[in-house]
Protein backbone atom coordinates (compact mmCIF):
# COMPACT_ATOMS: atom_id res chain seq x y z
CA MET A 1 0.00 0.00 0.00
CA SER A 2 1.40 3.38 -0.98
CA ALA A 3 0.86 6.33 1.34
CA LEU A 4 -1.56 9.06 0.33
CA ARG A 5 -0.96 12.77 0.84
CA LEU A 6 -4.09 14.12 2.45
CA ALA A 7 -5.75 16.81 4.51
CA PHE A 8 -7.95 15.87 7.44
CA MET A 9 -10.98 18.06 8.13
CA GLY A 10 -12.88 17.46 11.37
CA THR A 11 -13.81 19.04 14.66
CA PRO A 12 -15.45 17.00 17.50
CA ASP A 13 -14.47 13.92 19.51
CA PHE A 14 -16.18 11.73 16.92
CA ALA A 15 -13.52 12.63 14.35
CA VAL A 16 -10.43 11.92 16.48
CA PRO A 17 -10.33 8.10 16.07
CA THR A 18 -10.34 8.48 12.29
CA LEU A 19 -7.40 10.88 12.38
CA ALA A 20 -5.58 8.45 14.68
CA GLU A 21 -6.24 5.59 12.24
CA ILE A 22 -4.91 7.65 9.32
CA ILE A 23 -1.72 8.40 11.24
CA ALA A 24 -1.35 4.70 12.16
CA GLN A 25 -1.55 3.78 8.48
CA ASP A 26 1.38 6.13 7.76
CA HIS A 27 -0.46 8.34 5.32
CA GLU A 28 1.03 11.80 4.94
CA VAL A 29 -1.19 14.32 6.72
CA ALA A 30 -0.25 17.58 5.02
CA CYS A 31 -2.59 19.65 7.17
CA VAL A 32 -5.51 19.39 9.60
CA TYR A 33 -8.48 21.72 9.20
CA THR A 34 -10.81 22.25 12.14
CA ARG A 35 -13.26 24.85 13.45
CA PRO A 36 -11.72 27.89 15.19
CA PRO A 37 -11.45 27.90 19.01
CA ARG A 38 -14.69 28.97 20.68
CA PRO A 39 -15.55 30.45 24.07
CA ALA A 40 -16.50 27.69 26.51
CA GLY A 41 -16.89 27.03 30.22
CA ARG A 42 -17.68 29.46 33.00
CA GLY A 43 -14.81 31.74 32.06
CA GLN A 44 -15.81 31.72 28.38
CA GLU A 45 -12.19 31.31 27.37
CA ASP A 46 -11.41 30.16 23.85
CA ARG A 47 -11.21 26.36 23.71
CA LYS A 48 -9.62 24.39 20.89
CA SER A 49 -11.62 21.58 19.30
CA PRO A 50 -10.80 17.94 20.20
CA VAL A 51 -9.33 17.45 16.71
CA HIS A 52 -7.21 20.59 17.11
CA VAL A 53 -5.80 19.37 20.44
CA PHE A 54 -5.08 15.87 19.11
CA ALA A 55 -3.44 17.19 15.94
CA GLU A 56 -1.12 19.45 17.92
CA HIS A 57 -0.13 16.51 20.14
CA GLN A 58 0.81 14.70 16.93
CA SER A 59 2.82 17.74 15.73
CA LEU A 60 0.57 18.19 12.71
CA PRO A 61 0.00 21.63 11.14
CA VAL A 62 -3.47 22.99 11.91
CA ARG A 63 -5.56 25.57 10.10
CA THR A 64 -8.76 27.06 11.52
CA PRO A 65 -10.47 29.20 8.86
CA ALA A 66 -13.88 30.57 9.83
CA SER A 67 -15.08 29.82 6.29
CA LEU A 68 -13.82 28.08 3.15
CA LYS A 69 -15.53 30.54 0.81
CA ASP A 70 -12.62 33.00 0.72
CA GLU A 71 -10.50 32.65 -2.42
CA THR A 72 -7.27 33.03 -0.45
CA VAL A 73 -8.27 30.13 1.82
CA GLN A 74 -9.19 28.04 -1.22
CA ALA A 75 -5.87 28.80 -2.89
CA ALA A 76 -3.98 27.78 0.25
CA PHE A 77 -5.90 24.50 0.29
CA ALA A 78 -5.18 23.82 -3.38
CA ALA A 79 -1.49 24.57 -2.81
CA LEU A 80 -1.26 21.56 -0.49
CA ASP A 81 -1.24 19.40 -3.64
CA LEU A 82 -3.33 16.61 -2.09
CA ASP A 83 -4.27 13.15 -3.24
CA VAL A 84 -7.43 13.24 -1.13
CA ALA A 85 -9.16 15.05 1.72
CA VAL A 86 -10.88 13.16 4.56
CA VAL A 87 -13.84 14.92 6.17
CA VAL A 88 -15.42 13.82 9.47
CA ALA A 89 -17.97 16.09 11.19
CA TYR A 90 -16.04 19.18 10.15
CA GLY A 91 -18.93 21.62 10.46
CA LEU A 92 -18.16 23.85 7.45
CA ILE A 93 -19.56 23.57 3.94
CA LEU A 94 -16.93 22.65 1.35
CA PRO A 95 -17.40 24.82 -1.77
CA LYS A 96 -16.76 23.41 -5.22
CA PRO A 97 -13.13 24.66 -5.53
CA VAL A 98 -12.24 22.83 -2.31
CA LEU A 99 -14.10 19.65 -3.31
CA GLU A 100 -12.25 19.58 -6.63
CA ALA A 101 -8.75 20.47 -5.38
CA PRO A 102 -7.54 16.99 -4.26
CA ARG A 103 -6.64 14.64 -7.10
CA LEU A 104 -9.04 11.95 -5.82
CA GLY A 105 -11.63 14.29 -4.34
CA CYS A 106 -12.96 14.41 -0.78
CA LEU A 107 -14.19 11.47 1.28
CA ASN A 108 -16.71 11.96 4.07
CA LEU A 109 -17.43 9.64 6.99
CA HIS A 110 -21.12 9.88 7.90
CA ALA A 111 -22.77 8.24 10.92
CA SER A 112 -25.94 6.83 9.36
CA LEU A 113 -27.13 4.48 6.64
CA LEU A 114 -27.65 7.05 3.91
CA PRO A 115 -29.96 8.29 2.53
CA ARG A 116 -31.58 8.01 5.98
CA TRP A 117 -30.49 10.80 8.32
CA ARG A 118 -28.59 13.14 6.07
CA GLY A 119 -27.45 16.19 8.00
CA ALA A 120 -26.08 17.31 11.33
CA ALA A 121 -27.42 14.97 14.04
CA PRO A 122 -27.81 11.43 12.62
CA ILE A 123 -26.92 9.58 15.83
CA GLN A 124 -29.40 11.45 18.02
CA ARG A 125 -32.17 11.37 15.44
CA ALA A 126 -31.84 7.62 14.84
CA ILE A 127 -32.35 6.88 18.55
CA MET A 128 -35.13 9.45 18.96
CA ALA A 129 -36.99 7.94 15.99
CA GLY A 130 -36.77 4.43 17.43
CA ASP A 131 -34.53 3.02 14.68
CA THR A 132 -33.20 -0.45 15.44
CA GLU A 133 -30.20 -0.24 13.15
CA THR A 134 -27.78 2.35 11.86
CA GLY A 135 -24.21 2.40 10.62
CA VAL A 136 -21.40 4.40 9.10
CA MET A 137 -20.66 5.16 5.48
CA VAL A 138 -17.72 6.52 3.52
CA MET A 139 -19.06 8.77 0.80
CA GLN A 140 -17.51 10.60 -2.14
CA MET A 141 -18.44 14.21 -1.47
CA GLU A 142 -20.30 16.46 -3.88
CA GLU A 143 -22.01 19.83 -3.49
CA GLY A 144 -25.31 18.46 -2.13
CA LEU A 145 -25.87 17.72 1.58
CA ASP A 146 -24.69 14.12 2.10
CA THR A 147 -25.86 13.17 -1.40
CA GLY A 148 -22.66 11.69 -2.88
CA PRO A 149 -21.99 8.11 -3.99
CA ILE A 150 -21.34 5.50 -1.28
CA LEU A 151 -17.92 3.83 -1.30
CA LEU A 152 -18.05 1.64 1.82
CA ALA A 153 -20.62 0.97 4.54
CA GLU A 154 -20.92 -0.94 7.79
CA GLN A 155 -24.18 -1.61 9.57
CA THR A 156 -24.78 -2.06 13.30
CA SER A 157 -27.78 -2.57 15.56
CA ILE A 158 -29.01 0.04 18.03
CA GLY A 159 -29.42 -1.48 21.50
CA ALA A 160 -32.77 -1.22 23.28
CA ARG A 161 -31.22 0.96 26.02
CA GLU A 162 -28.58 2.66 23.86
CA THR A 163 -27.90 6.36 24.40
CA ALA A 164 -26.51 8.84 21.91
CA GLY A 165 -23.30 8.80 23.93
CA THR A 166 -22.71 5.06 23.77
CA LEU A 167 -23.69 4.84 20.09
CA HIS A 168 -21.48 7.84 19.28
CA ASP A 169 -18.43 6.19 20.81
CA ARG A 170 -19.08 2.87 19.08
CA LEU A 171 -19.65 4.42 15.66
CA ALA A 172 -16.54 6.59 16.01
CA GLN A 173 -14.41 3.45 16.29
CA VAL A 174 -16.27 1.55 13.55
CA GLY A 175 -16.04 4.59 11.30
CA ALA A 176 -12.31 5.00 11.86
CA SER A 177 -11.73 1.42 10.76
CA LEU A 178 -14.01 1.85 7.75
CA MET A 179 -12.21 5.01 6.59
CA GLY A 180 -8.89 3.21 7.06
CA ARG A 181 -10.12 0.46 4.75
CA ALA A 182 -11.35 3.01 2.21
CA LEU A 183 -8.00 4.80 2.10
CA ALA A 184 -6.12 1.50 1.80
CA ALA A 185 -8.28 0.51 -1.18
CA LEU A 186 -7.88 3.97 -2.70
CA SER A 187 -4.12 3.77 -2.43
CA ARG A 188 -4.19 0.43 -4.25
CA GLY A 189 -6.04 1.85 -7.20
CA GLY A 190 -9.61 2.74 -6.38
CA LEU A 191 -12.99 1.96 -4.89
CA ASP A 192 -16.30 0.94 -6.42
CA SER A 193 -19.14 3.34 -5.74
CA ALA A 194 -22.91 3.08 -5.60
CA HIS A 195 -25.44 5.87 -5.95
CA GLN A 196 -27.65 6.50 -2.97
CA ALA A 197 -31.22 5.27 -3.15
CA GLN A 198 -33.80 7.87 -4.11
CA GLU A 199 -36.32 6.52 -1.60
CA GLY A 200 -36.14 6.80 2.17
CA VAL A 201 -34.41 10.18 2.37
CA THR A 202 -34.67 11.76 5.83
CA TYR A 203 -32.87 14.72 7.39
CA ALA A 204 -31.20 14.77 10.80
CA HIS A 205 -31.72 18.41 11.63
CA LYS A 206 -29.56 20.02 14.29
CA ILE A 207 -30.86 19.49 17.82
CA GLU A 208 -32.61 22.65 18.98
CA LYS A 209 -32.52 23.77 22.62
CA SER A 210 -36.31 23.80 22.70
CA GLU A 211 -36.35 20.02 22.12
CA ALA A 212 -34.55 19.36 25.39
CA ARG A 213 -37.45 20.32 27.67
CA ILE A 214 -39.50 17.20 28.39
CA ASP A 215 -43.07 17.43 27.08
CA TRP A 216 -44.96 15.16 29.45
CA THR A 217 -47.99 15.05 27.13
CA LYS A 218 -46.03 12.75 24.80
CA PRO A 219 -46.20 8.94 25.27
CA ALA A 220 -43.72 7.48 27.75
CA THR A 221 -42.15 5.26 25.09
CA GLU A 222 -41.42 8.30 22.93
CA LEU A 223 -39.98 10.24 25.88
CA ASP A 224 -37.71 7.30 26.69
CA ARG A 225 -36.27 7.52 23.16
CA ILE A 226 -35.91 11.30 23.36
CA ILE A 227 -34.08 11.09 26.69
CA ARG A 228 -31.67 8.46 25.36
CA GLY A 229 -31.17 10.43 22.15
CA LEU A 230 -30.26 13.58 24.09
CA THR A 231 -27.93 11.85 26.57
CA PRO A 232 -25.31 13.05 27.40
CA PHE A 233 -25.79 16.27 25.42
CA PRO A 234 -27.69 18.52 25.57
CA GLY A 235 -29.72 16.40 28.00
CA ALA A 236 -33.51 16.23 28.32
CA PHE A 237 -34.71 18.18 31.34
CA PHE A 238 -37.66 19.18 33.50
CA GLU A 239 -38.02 21.81 36.19
CA LEU A 240 -38.90 21.14 39.82
CA GLY A 241 -39.85 24.52 41.16
CA SER A 242 -37.07 26.76 39.89
CA VAL A 243 -34.46 23.99 39.65
CA ARG A 244 -33.59 22.52 36.24
CA ILE A 245 -32.94 18.78 36.34
CA LYS A 246 -31.57 16.63 33.53
CA VAL A 247 -32.91 13.11 33.11
CA LEU A 248 -30.07 10.76 32.21
CA ARG A 249 -31.88 7.42 32.40
CA ALA A 250 -35.53 6.45 32.56
CA GLU A 251 -37.86 3.67 31.47
CA ALA A 252 -41.43 3.54 30.23
CA VAL A 253 -43.79 1.76 32.64
CA ALA A 254 -47.53 1.28 33.08
CA GLY A 255 -49.33 4.16 34.73
CA GLU A 256 -51.81 6.96 34.22
CA GLY A 257 -52.57 10.43 35.49
CA ALA A 258 -52.30 14.05 34.50
CA PRO A 259 -49.16 14.45 32.34
CA GLY A 260 -46.19 15.63 34.39
CA THR A 261 -47.62 14.47 37.73
CA VAL A 262 -45.58 12.25 40.06
CA THR A 263 -47.89 9.26 40.51
CA GLY A 264 -46.05 6.58 42.42
CA PRO A 265 -43.12 5.58 44.58
CA GLY A 266 -39.82 6.91 43.38
CA LEU A 267 -39.85 9.31 40.48
CA THR A 268 -42.62 7.80 38.35
CA VAL A 269 -44.25 10.49 36.23
CA ALA A 270 -47.49 10.27 34.26
CA CYS A 271 -47.21 10.95 30.54
CA GLY A 272 -49.66 11.40 27.69
CA LYS A 273 -49.74 7.60 27.50
CA GLY A 274 -48.19 5.42 30.22
CA ALA A 275 -45.64 6.68 32.69
CA LEU A 276 -41.91 7.25 32.94
CA ARG A 277 -39.84 5.98 35.85
CA ILE A 278 -36.76 8.19 36.20
CA THR A 279 -33.73 6.23 37.43
CA GLU A 280 -30.81 8.66 37.02
CA LEU A 281 -30.77 12.45 36.97
CA GLN A 282 -28.59 15.50 37.45
CA ARG A 283 -29.19 18.93 38.93
CA ALA A 284 -27.63 21.82 37.05
CA GLY A 285 -24.00 22.14 38.11
CA LYS A 286 -24.07 18.95 40.21
CA ALA A 287 -22.92 15.36 39.75
CA ALA A 288 -25.24 12.73 38.31
CA MET A 289 -27.05 10.54 40.85
CA ASP A 290 -29.60 7.77 40.92
CA ALA A 291 -33.19 8.60 41.76
CA SER A 292 -33.11 7.06 45.23
CA ALA A 293 -30.15 9.26 46.24
CA PHE A 294 -31.91 12.31 44.83
CA LEU A 295 -35.08 11.58 46.80
CA ARG A 296 -33.16 11.21 50.06
CA GLY A 297 -32.24 14.89 49.79
CA THR A 298 -35.29 16.24 47.99
CA ASP A 299 -38.93 15.74 48.93
CA VAL A 300 -41.02 14.97 45.84
CA PRO A 301 -44.39 13.67 47.08
CA GLU A 302 -47.06 12.07 44.91
CA GLY A 303 -49.05 14.75 43.15
CA THR A 304 -46.05 16.99 42.52
CA VAL A 305 -46.21 18.45 39.01
CA LEU A 306 -42.99 18.62 37.00
CA ARG A 307 -42.66 21.30 34.33
């Protein structure tokens, strides 16, 4: 296998295993592109992305343009004289001059079985929708949103109690291996491609803050999926008085009552259909705890209404 000269373009934790796999395969990483540092934490100090931090630890050159639309930025990218670019959850749109600059184009690792869940939040949306399977795909990028031909794919089941966090970590590792295989095949002469199906297209829109507040009028089974899909971030929450509380784990159980009302022992809450037994939760700014520990320090009698 001959080494490829490439640029890596990614930002979050999900992208780091793929960059590590590329380095392990001894490909030449000419440059790493990632989103610029952003204010974070209580002090709102600029924080580098996980990919940025990892790349610097590997002594790789890093670029953080705010956009790729500027002609000077595009010229600098073209000047890298790349065989290929690898894109994993980068977060910026790649304009046509960037897509066409590498000799073999740009490969994207996407965390769904395309064309289902094109877009920004495929892992969360798959769990929230109740999907029983998902996967990762290596795609040849084009100007459309996740519309390019599929080069390699690997399918996996979604566990009945899976959270976005556990599925994220598993798919990051599976995806790294899959991209490694794609680059190895590319370096040997090429990959077969298949056009995406025209049926079954869905979009994984970005998670909005308004979705995180628990709507107790929804069925308990749906709320269970929403909670798992939003764990660990941003976290589904309710308010008890003036205190915001994240629900980390819960299960749908039999029960009835006015939606949002605590109806039984422990934190069992009536929903639009059935009830939800909360088993793990977290006050804002505090450590996670199980429901029994929470109730030892907080009185939540039957009839309490959660908002």
